[in-house]
Amino acid sequence: MNNAVKVVVGLSPGIKNILEKESGNHSIDGFTTDDIEQMMAITLHHTDDSKFISFEPNTEFTFVTDGNHNVLGKIPKPIPERMWFIQEEQTQNAEEFVIMALLPTEY
């Protein structure tokens, strides 16, 4: 039996732009695709709690909320700006998650 779940991720132009800008930042704290992967894992972990996950930057870490200011956790690293990860309505294929990562200004 195959229990694999397919995850399709869309990155908005704004998030792609942040990644491109940060790729030139060779500091240890630069925002990378590894951070996006961590945010995706957190989003999938909370899929039963909310289809909308907001990552709220702070000076020392990032709050993870359900978009209604209910804190679900935090990441021990600040992100450049607020980002939303929204799970699209599932199609008939319940083994596939489609998630769009975008900036609030792109909604």
C-alpha atoms as a PDB file:
ATOM      1  CA  MET A   1       0.000   0.000   0.000  1.00  0.00           C
ATOM      2  CA  ASN A   2       1.389   3.423  -0.972  1.00  0.00           C
ATOM      3  CA  ASN A   3       0.742   6.118   1.649  1.00  0.00           C
ATOM      4  CA  ALA A   4       2.675   8.808  -0.184  1.00  0.00           C
ATOM      5  CA  VAL A   5       1.158  12.263  -0.283  1.00  0.00           C
ATOM      6  CA  LYS A   6       1.980  14.607  -3.131  1.00  0.00           C
ATOM      7  CA  VAL A   7       2.606  18.244  -2.192  1.00  0.00           C
ATOM      8  CA  VAL A   8       2.476  20.884  -4.901  1.00  0.00           C
ATOM      9  CA  VAL A   9       3.873  24.252  -3.852  1.00  0.00           C
ATOM     10  CA  GLY A  10       3.455  27.523  -5.659  1.00  0.00           C
ATOM     11  CA  LEU A  11       5.726  30.446  -4.802  1.00  0.00           C
ATOM     12  CA  SER A  12       4.463  33.921  -5.629  1.00  0.00           C
ATOM     13  CA  PRO A  13       6.647  36.434  -7.483  1.00  0.00           C
ATOM     14  CA  GLY A  14       7.147  38.338  -4.207  1.00  0.00           C
ATOM     15  CA  ILE A  15       8.522  35.321  -2.374  1.00  0.00           C
ATOM     16  CA  LYS A  16      10.693  34.382  -5.352  1.00  0.00           C
ATOM     17  CA  ASN A  17      12.021  37.953  -5.314  1.00  0.00           C
ATOM     18  CA  ILE A  18      12.895  37.696  -1.602  1.00  0.00           C
ATOM     19  CA  LEU A  19      14.715  34.410  -2.222  1.00  0.00           C
ATOM     20  CA  GLU A  20      16.664  35.957  -5.115  1.00  0.00           C
ATOM     21  CA  LYS A  21      17.650  38.996  -3.031  1.00  0.00           C
ATOM     22  CA  GLU A  22      18.620  36.868  -0.044  1.00  0.00           C
ATOM     23  CA  SER A  23      20.660  34.441  -2.160  1.00  0.00           C
ATOM     24  CA  GLY A  24      23.191  37.246  -2.578  1.00  0.00           C
ATOM     25  CA  ASN A  25      23.270  37.672   1.196  1.00  0.00           C
ATOM     26  CA  HIS A  26      26.033  35.350   2.300  1.00  0.00           C
ATOM     27  CA  SER A  27      25.400  35.869   6.007  1.00  0.00           C
ATOM     28  CA  ILE A  28      24.493  32.808   8.014  1.00  0.00           C
ATOM     29  CA  ASP A  29      21.022  34.266   8.656  1.00  0.00           C
ATOM     30  CA  GLY A  30      19.970  34.695   5.009  1.00  0.00           C
ATOM     31  CA  PHE A  31      16.480  33.507   4.000  1.00  0.00           C
ATOM     32  CA  THR A  32      16.780  30.388   1.820  1.00  0.00           C
ATOM     33  CA  THR A  33      14.765  27.611   0.230  1.00  0.00           C
ATOM     34  CA  ASP A  34      15.548  25.577   3.367  1.00  0.00           C
ATOM     35  CA  ASP A  35      13.439  28.101   5.286  1.00  0.00           C
ATOM     36  CA  ILE A  36      10.609  27.703   2.754  1.00  0.00           C
ATOM     37  CA  GLU A  37      10.812  23.917   3.207  1.00  0.00           C
ATOM     38  CA  GLN A  38      10.590  24.319   6.989  1.00  0.00           C
ATOM     39  CA  MET A  39       7.582  26.627   6.584  1.00  0.00           C
ATOM     40  CA  MET A  40       5.943  24.070   4.274  1.00  0.00           C
ATOM     41  CA  ALA A  41       6.461  21.308   6.829  1.00  0.00           C
ATOM     42  CA  ILE A  42       4.884  23.505   9.511  1.00  0.00           C
ATOM     43  CA  THR A  43       1.972  24.308   7.196  1.00  0.00           C
ATOM     44  CA  LEU A  44       1.367  20.610   6.516  1.00  0.00           C
ATOM     45  CA  HIS A  45       1.627  19.828  10.229  1.00  0.00           C
ATOM     46  CA  HIS A  46      -1.189  22.304  10.945  1.00  0.00           C
ATOM     47  CA  THR A  47      -3.397  21.369   7.991  1.00  0.00           C
ATOM     48  CA  ASP A  48      -6.117  20.076  10.343  1.00  0.00           C
ATOM     49  CA  ASP A  49      -6.006  23.311  12.378  1.00  0.00           C
ATOM     50  CA  SER A  50      -6.172  25.791   9.530  1.00  0.00           C
ATOM     51  CA  LYS A  51      -5.941  25.980   5.736  1.00  0.00           C
ATOM     52  CA  PHE A  52      -4.383  29.428   6.173  1.00  0.00           C
ATOM     53  CA  ILE A  53      -1.038  29.764   7.967  1.00  0.00           C
ATOM     54  CA  SER A  54       0.583  33.139   8.522  1.00  0.00           C
ATOM     55  CA  PHE A  55       4.251  33.538   9.356  1.00  0.00           C
ATOM     56  CA  GLU A  56       4.698  36.787  11.304  1.00  0.00           C
ATOM     57  CA  PRO A  57       8.241  38.187  11.566  1.00  0.00           C
ATOM     58  CA  ASN A  58       9.692  39.382  14.854  1.00  0.00           C
ATOM     59  CA  THR A  59      13.174  40.648  15.625  1.00  0.00           C
ATOM     60  CA  GLU A  60      14.406  37.327  17.031  1.00  0.00           C
ATOM     61  CA  PHE A  61      12.000  34.687  15.705  1.00  0.00           C
ATOM     62  CA  THR A  62       8.885  34.139  13.581  1.00  0.00           C
ATOM     63  CA  PHE A  63       5.388  33.533  14.957  1.00  0.00           C
ATOM     64  CA  VAL A  64       3.277  30.888  13.262  1.00  0.00           C
ATOM     65  CA  THR A  65      -0.435  31.805  13.392  1.00  0.00           C
ATOM     66  CA  ASP A  66      -3.687  30.626  11.886  1.00  0.00           C
ATOM     67  CA  GLY A  67      -4.314  34.061  10.377  1.00  0.00           C
ATOM     68  CA  ASN A  68      -6.645  34.991  13.225  1.00  0.00           C
ATOM     69  CA  HIS A  69      -3.764  35.840  15.560  1.00  0.00           C
ATOM     70  CA  ASN A  70      -3.976  32.450  17.284  1.00  0.00           C
ATOM     71  CA  VAL A  71      -0.353  31.473  17.777  1.00  0.00           C
ATOM     72  CA  LEU A  72       0.379  27.895  16.734  1.00  0.00           C
ATOM     73  CA  GLY A  73       4.120  28.062  17.380  1.00  0.00           C
ATOM     74  CA  LYS A  74       7.272  29.917  16.503  1.00  0.00           C
ATOM     75  CA  ILE A  75      10.419  29.441  14.456  1.00  0.00           C
ATOM     76  CA  PRO A  76      13.721  30.456  16.093  1.00  0.00           C
ATOM     77  CA  LYS A  77      14.657  32.626  13.107  1.00  0.00           C
ATOM     78  CA  PRO A  78      13.176  35.887  11.824  1.00  0.00           C
ATOM     79  CA  ILE A  79      11.921  36.045   8.245  1.00  0.00           C
ATOM     80  CA  PRO A  80      12.239  39.170   6.053  1.00  0.00           C
ATOM     81  CA  GLU A  81       8.490  39.902   6.032  1.00  0.00           C
ATOM     82  CA  ARG A  82       5.038  38.406   6.681  1.00  0.00           C
ATOM     83  CA  MET A  83       4.209  35.428   4.476  1.00  0.00           C
ATOM     84  CA  TRP A  84       1.024  33.467   3.987  1.00  0.00           C
ATOM     85  CA  PHE A  85       0.812  29.782   3.119  1.00  0.00           C
ATOM     86  CA  ILE A  86      -2.671  28.912   1.903  1.00  0.00           C
ATOM     87  CA  GLN A  87      -3.844  25.384   1.232  1.00  0.00           C
ATOM     88  CA  GLU A  88      -6.091  25.259  -1.809  1.00  0.00           C
ATOM     89  CA  GLU A  89      -9.325  23.327  -1.660  1.00  0.00           C
ATOM     90  CA  GLN A  90      -8.520  19.677  -2.210  1.00  0.00           C
ATOM     91  CA  THR A  91      -9.577  18.105  -5.431  1.00  0.00           C
ATOM     92  CA  GLN A  92     -10.997  14.624  -5.555  1.00  0.00           C
ATOM     93  CA  ASN A  93      -7.460  13.374  -5.066  1.00  0.00           C
ATOM     94  CA  ALA A  94      -7.225  13.476  -1.259  1.00  0.00           C
ATOM     95  CA  GLU A  95      -3.569  12.430  -1.436  1.00  0.00           C
ATOM     96  CA  GLU A  96      -2.509  15.725  -3.002  1.00  0.00           C
ATOM     97  CA  PHE A  97      -1.985  19.041  -1.212  1.00  0.00           C
ATOM     98  CA  VAL A  98      -1.689  22.263  -3.198  1.00  0.00           C
ATOM     99  CA  ILE A  99      -0.235  25.133  -1.199  1.00  0.00           C
ATOM    100  CA  MET A 100       0.412  28.674  -2.361  1.00  0.00           C
ATOM    101  CA  ALA A 101       3.040  30.756  -0.590  1.00  0.00           C
ATOM    102  CA  LEU A 102       2.597  34.502  -1.037  1.00  0.00           C
ATOM    103  CA  LEU A 103       2.995  37.909   0.509  1.00  0.00           C
ATOM    104  CA  PRO A 104      -0.139  39.586   1.905  1.00  0.00           C
ATOM    105  CA  THR A 105       0.193  42.354  -0.696  1.00  0.00           C
ATOM    106  CA  GLU A 106      -0.151  39.719  -3.441  1.00  0.00           C
ATOM    107  CA  TYR A 107      -3.454  38.299  -2.206  1.00  0.00           C
END
